[in-house]
Amino acid sequence: MSDIALIVLGSSVAAVIGIALGVMMPALAMGKAITSALEALARQPESERSIMRTLFIGLAMIESLAIYCLVIILIVLFKNPLLEYIIK
């Protein structure tokens, strides 16, 4: 195989692994955060506003990690800097 084919193959495999981990780990973190928030609500229902506000901010930050992962993987797939280096 040529150098370009190896780089494209490696980039595709890395993208598949990256998107799998980049979606799975934040999903597990979101599940853990929601579970902890529900347990806190069960123990102290009077602090619902504070718990929910903190939960939503935390979920937004966790989701941003998955979005950053997606952006990096799309850059690797469609604008791979290694291909430009090999072609020159």
N, C-alpha and C. Protein backbone atom coordinates (compact mmCIF):
# COMPACT_ATOMS: atom_id res chain seq x y z
N MET A 1 0.84 -1.19 0.00
CA MET A 1 0.00 0.00 0.00
C MET A 1 0.88 1.25 0.00
N SER A 2 0.36 2.29 -0.57
CA SER A 2 1.10 3.54 -0.62
C SER A 2 1.01 4.26 0.72
N ASP A 3 1.83 5.29 0.85
CA ASP A 3 1.84 6.07 2.09
C ASP A 3 0.51 6.75 2.35
N ILE A 4 -0.09 7.27 1.29
CA ILE A 4 -1.37 7.97 1.44
C ILE A 4 -2.46 7.01 1.91
N ALA A 5 -2.47 5.80 1.35
CA ALA A 5 -3.48 4.82 1.74
C ALA A 5 -3.31 4.41 3.20
N LEU A 6 -2.07 4.28 3.66
CA LEU A 6 -1.83 3.93 5.05
C LEU A 6 -2.27 5.05 5.99
N ILE A 7 -2.01 6.28 5.60
CA ILE A 7 -2.42 7.41 6.45
C ILE A 7 -3.94 7.51 6.51
N VAL A 8 -4.60 7.34 5.39
CA VAL A 8 -6.07 7.39 5.38
C VAL A 8 -6.65 6.25 6.20
N LEU A 9 -6.08 5.05 6.06
CA LEU A 9 -6.56 3.91 6.85
C LEU A 9 -6.34 4.15 8.34
N GLY A 10 -5.16 4.61 8.70
CA GLY A 10 -4.88 4.89 10.11
C GLY A 10 -5.76 5.98 10.66
N SER A 11 -6.00 7.02 9.87
CA SER A 11 -6.88 8.11 10.32
C SER A 11 -8.30 7.63 10.51
N SER A 12 -8.77 6.77 9.61
CA SER A 12 -10.14 6.25 9.73
C SER A 12 -10.29 5.36 10.96
N VAL A 13 -9.31 4.51 11.21
CA VAL A 13 -9.37 3.65 12.40
C VAL A 13 -9.30 4.50 13.67
N ALA A 14 -8.41 5.49 13.68
CA ALA A 14 -8.31 6.37 14.85
C ALA A 14 -9.60 7.16 15.06
N ALA A 15 -10.26 7.56 13.98
CA ALA A 15 -11.51 8.30 14.10
C ALA A 15 -12.62 7.43 14.68
N VAL A 16 -12.67 6.18 14.24
CA VAL A 16 -13.69 5.26 14.77
C VAL A 16 -13.48 5.02 16.26
N ILE A 17 -12.25 4.77 16.65
CA ILE A 17 -11.96 4.54 18.07
C ILE A 17 -12.21 5.82 18.87
N GLY A 18 -11.80 6.96 18.30
CA GLY A 18 -11.98 8.23 19.00
C GLY A 18 -13.44 8.59 19.20
N ILE A 19 -14.26 8.39 18.18
CA ILE A 19 -15.68 8.74 18.33
C ILE A 19 -16.36 7.76 19.28
N ALA A 20 -15.93 6.51 19.26
CA ALA A 20 -16.52 5.53 20.19
C ALA A 20 -16.24 5.92 21.64
N LEU A 21 -14.98 6.23 21.92
CA LEU A 21 -14.63 6.63 23.29
C LEU A 21 -15.15 8.03 23.62
N GLY A 22 -15.15 8.91 22.62
CA GLY A 22 -15.59 10.29 22.84
C GLY A 22 -17.07 10.42 23.08
N VAL A 23 -17.84 9.42 22.73
CA VAL A 23 -19.27 9.44 23.00
C VAL A 23 -19.59 8.58 24.22
N MET A 24 -18.89 7.48 24.37
CA MET A 24 -19.19 6.56 25.46
C MET A 24 -18.83 7.14 26.83
N MET A 25 -17.66 7.74 26.94
CA MET A 25 -17.24 8.26 28.24
C MET A 25 -18.11 9.42 28.74
N PRO A 26 -18.43 10.43 27.91
CA PRO A 26 -19.35 11.45 28.41
C PRO A 26 -20.75 10.91 28.73
N ALA A 27 -21.19 9.90 28.00
CA ALA A 27 -22.50 9.31 28.29
C ALA A 27 -22.48 8.65 29.67
N LEU A 28 -21.41 7.95 29.98
CA LEU A 28 -21.30 7.34 31.31
C LEU A 28 -21.21 8.42 32.41
N ALA A 29 -20.48 9.50 32.12
CA ALA A 29 -20.37 10.59 33.09
C ALA A 29 -21.71 11.27 33.31
N MET A 30 -22.49 11.43 32.24
CA MET A 30 -23.83 12.03 32.37
C MET A 30 -24.74 11.15 33.21
N GLY A 31 -24.68 9.85 32.98
CA GLY A 31 -25.48 8.92 33.77
C GLY A 31 -25.12 8.99 35.24
N LYS A 32 -23.83 9.06 35.54
CA LYS A 32 -23.38 9.16 36.93
C LYS A 32 -23.83 10.47 37.56
N ALA A 33 -23.76 11.57 36.80
CA ALA A 33 -24.18 12.87 37.32
C ALA A 33 -25.68 12.90 37.62
N ILE A 34 -26.46 12.34 36.72
CA ILE A 34 -27.91 12.31 36.91
C ILE A 34 -28.27 11.43 38.11
N THR A 35 -27.59 10.30 38.23
CA THR A 35 -27.84 9.41 39.37
C THR A 35 -27.53 10.12 40.68
N SER A 36 -26.40 10.80 40.73
CA SER A 36 -26.03 11.52 41.96
C SER A 36 -27.01 12.64 42.27
N ALA A 37 -27.48 13.34 41.23
CA ALA A 37 -28.44 14.42 41.45
C ALA A 37 -29.76 13.88 41.98
N LEU A 38 -30.20 12.76 41.44
CA LEU A 38 -31.46 12.18 41.92
C LEU A 38 -31.33 11.69 43.36
N GLU A 39 -30.17 11.14 43.70
CA GLU A 39 -29.96 10.73 45.09
C GLU A 39 -29.96 11.94 46.03
N ALA A 40 -29.34 13.03 45.58
CA ALA A 40 -29.31 14.25 46.39
C ALA A 40 -30.72 14.83 46.54
N LEU A 41 -31.51 14.76 45.48
CA LEU A 41 -32.90 15.25 45.56
C LEU A 41 -33.74 14.39 46.49
N ALA A 42 -33.47 13.09 46.50
CA ALA A 42 -34.22 12.21 47.39
C ALA A 42 -33.89 12.50 48.86
N ARG A 43 -32.64 12.88 49.14
CA ARG A 43 -32.23 13.17 50.50
C ARG A 43 -32.66 14.56 50.95
N GLN A 44 -32.56 15.55 50.05
CA GLN A 44 -32.89 16.93 50.40
C GLN A 44 -33.77 17.56 49.33
N PRO A 45 -35.06 17.29 49.36
CA PRO A 45 -35.95 17.84 48.33
C PRO A 45 -36.06 19.37 48.38
N GLU A 46 -35.78 19.98 49.53
CA GLU A 46 -35.90 21.42 49.63
C GLU A 46 -34.82 22.18 48.85
N SER A 47 -33.73 21.51 48.50
CA SER A 47 -32.67 22.18 47.74
C SER A 47 -32.72 21.81 46.25
N GLU A 48 -33.93 21.63 45.76
CA GLU A 48 -34.11 21.19 44.37
C GLU A 48 -33.55 22.20 43.37
N ARG A 49 -33.80 23.48 43.58
CA ARG A 49 -33.35 24.49 42.61
C ARG A 49 -31.83 24.50 42.48
N SER A 50 -31.16 24.45 43.60
CA SER A 50 -29.70 24.47 43.60
C SER A 50 -29.11 23.23 42.93
N ILE A 51 -29.68 22.08 43.25
CA ILE A 51 -29.18 20.82 42.69
C ILE A 51 -29.43 20.78 41.18
N MET A 52 -30.61 21.18 40.75
CA MET A 52 -30.93 21.13 39.33
C MET A 52 -30.08 22.11 38.53
N ARG A 53 -29.86 23.30 39.07
CA ARG A 53 -29.03 24.29 38.38
C ARG A 53 -27.60 23.76 38.21
N THR A 54 -27.05 23.20 39.27
CA THR A 54 -25.71 22.63 39.21
C THR A 54 -25.66 21.44 38.26
N LEU A 55 -26.71 20.63 38.26
CA LEU A 55 -26.77 19.47 37.37
C LEU A 55 -26.76 19.91 35.91
N PHE A 56 -27.56 20.90 35.56
CA PHE A 56 -27.64 21.33 34.16
C PHE A 56 -26.33 21.96 33.70
N ILE A 57 -25.68 22.71 34.56
CA ILE A 57 -24.38 23.29 34.20
C ILE A 57 -23.36 22.17 34.00
N GLY A 58 -23.36 21.19 34.88
CA GLY A 58 -22.44 20.06 34.75
C GLY A 58 -22.71 19.25 33.49
N LEU A 59 -23.97 19.01 33.19
CA LEU A 59 -24.31 18.25 31.98
C LEU A 59 -23.88 19.00 30.72
N ALA A 60 -24.02 20.31 30.72
CA ALA A 60 -23.59 21.10 29.56
C ALA A 60 -22.08 21.01 29.38
N MET A 61 -21.35 21.03 30.47
CA MET A 61 -19.89 20.92 30.37
C MET A 61 -19.46 19.53 29.90
N ILE A 62 -20.15 18.50 30.37
CA ILE A 62 -19.84 17.14 29.93
C ILE A 62 -20.15 16.99 28.45
N GLU A 63 -21.27 17.53 28.01
CA GLU A 63 -21.65 17.43 26.60
C GLU A 63 -20.68 18.18 25.70
N SER A 64 -20.11 19.27 26.21
CA SER A 64 -19.13 20.00 25.40
C SER A 64 -17.90 19.16 25.11
N LEU A 65 -17.54 18.26 26.01
CA LEU A 65 -16.41 17.37 25.74
C LEU A 65 -16.69 16.46 24.55
N ALA A 66 -17.90 15.94 24.45
CA ALA A 66 -18.27 15.10 23.31
C ALA A 66 -18.27 15.91 22.02
N ILE A 67 -18.70 17.15 22.07
CA ILE A 67 -18.71 18.00 20.87
C ILE A 67 -17.28 18.32 20.44
N TYR A 68 -16.39 18.62 21.38
CA TYR A 68 -14.99 18.87 21.04
C TYR A 68 -14.37 17.64 20.39
N CYS A 69 -14.68 16.47 20.91
CA CYS A 69 -14.17 15.22 20.33
C CYS A 69 -14.67 15.07 18.90
N LEU A 70 -15.93 15.35 18.66
CA LEU A 70 -16.49 15.25 17.32
C LEU A 70 -15.80 16.22 16.35
N VAL A 71 -15.54 17.43 16.79
CA VAL A 71 -14.89 18.42 15.94
C VAL A 71 -13.48 17.97 15.56
N ILE A 72 -12.73 17.47 16.53
CA ILE A 72 -11.37 17.01 16.25
C ILE A 72 -11.38 15.83 15.31
N ILE A 73 -12.31 14.93 15.47
CA ILE A 73 -12.37 13.76 14.60
C ILE A 73 -12.77 14.17 13.18
N LEU A 74 -13.67 15.12 13.04
CA LEU A 74 -14.02 15.60 11.70
C LEU A 74 -12.84 16.28 11.02
N ILE A 75 -12.03 17.00 11.80
CA ILE A 75 -10.83 17.62 11.23
C ILE A 75 -9.86 16.54 10.76
N VAL A 76 -9.68 15.50 11.55
CA VAL A 76 -8.77 14.42 11.17
C VAL A 76 -9.27 13.71 9.92
N LEU A 77 -10.57 13.51 9.81
CA LEU A 77 -11.10 12.80 8.65
C LEU A 77 -11.08 13.62 7.37
N PHE A 78 -11.46 14.88 7.45
CA PHE A 78 -11.67 15.65 6.23
C PHE A 78 -10.56 16.64 5.91
N LYS A 79 -9.75 17.00 6.86
CA LYS A 79 -8.66 17.95 6.62
C LYS A 79 -7.42 17.45 7.36
N ASN A 80 -6.98 16.27 6.97
CA ASN A 80 -5.87 15.62 7.65
C ASN A 80 -4.55 16.33 7.32
N PRO A 81 -3.87 16.87 8.33
CA PRO A 81 -2.61 17.58 8.06
C PRO A 81 -1.49 16.64 7.58
N LEU A 82 -1.56 15.37 7.91
CA LEU A 82 -0.53 14.43 7.46
C LEU A 82 -0.58 14.22 5.94
N LEU A 83 -1.77 14.26 5.38
CA LEU A 83 -1.89 14.09 3.93
C LEU A 83 -1.21 15.23 3.19
N GLU A 84 -1.36 16.44 3.68
CA GLU A 84 -0.70 17.57 3.05
C GLU A 84 0.82 17.45 3.14
N TYR A 85 1.31 16.89 4.23
CA TYR A 85 2.75 16.71 4.40
C TYR A 85 3.29 15.66 3.43
N ILE A 86 2.55 14.57 3.23
CA ILE A 86 2.99 13.49 2.33
C ILE A 86 2.91 13.93 0.87
N ILE A 87 1.86 14.67 0.51
CA ILE A 87 1.66 15.05 -0.88
C ILE A 87 2.76 16.00 -1.36
N LYS A 88 3.26 16.85 -0.48
CA LYS A 88 4.31 17.83 -0.88
C LYS A 88 5.61 17.19 -1.13
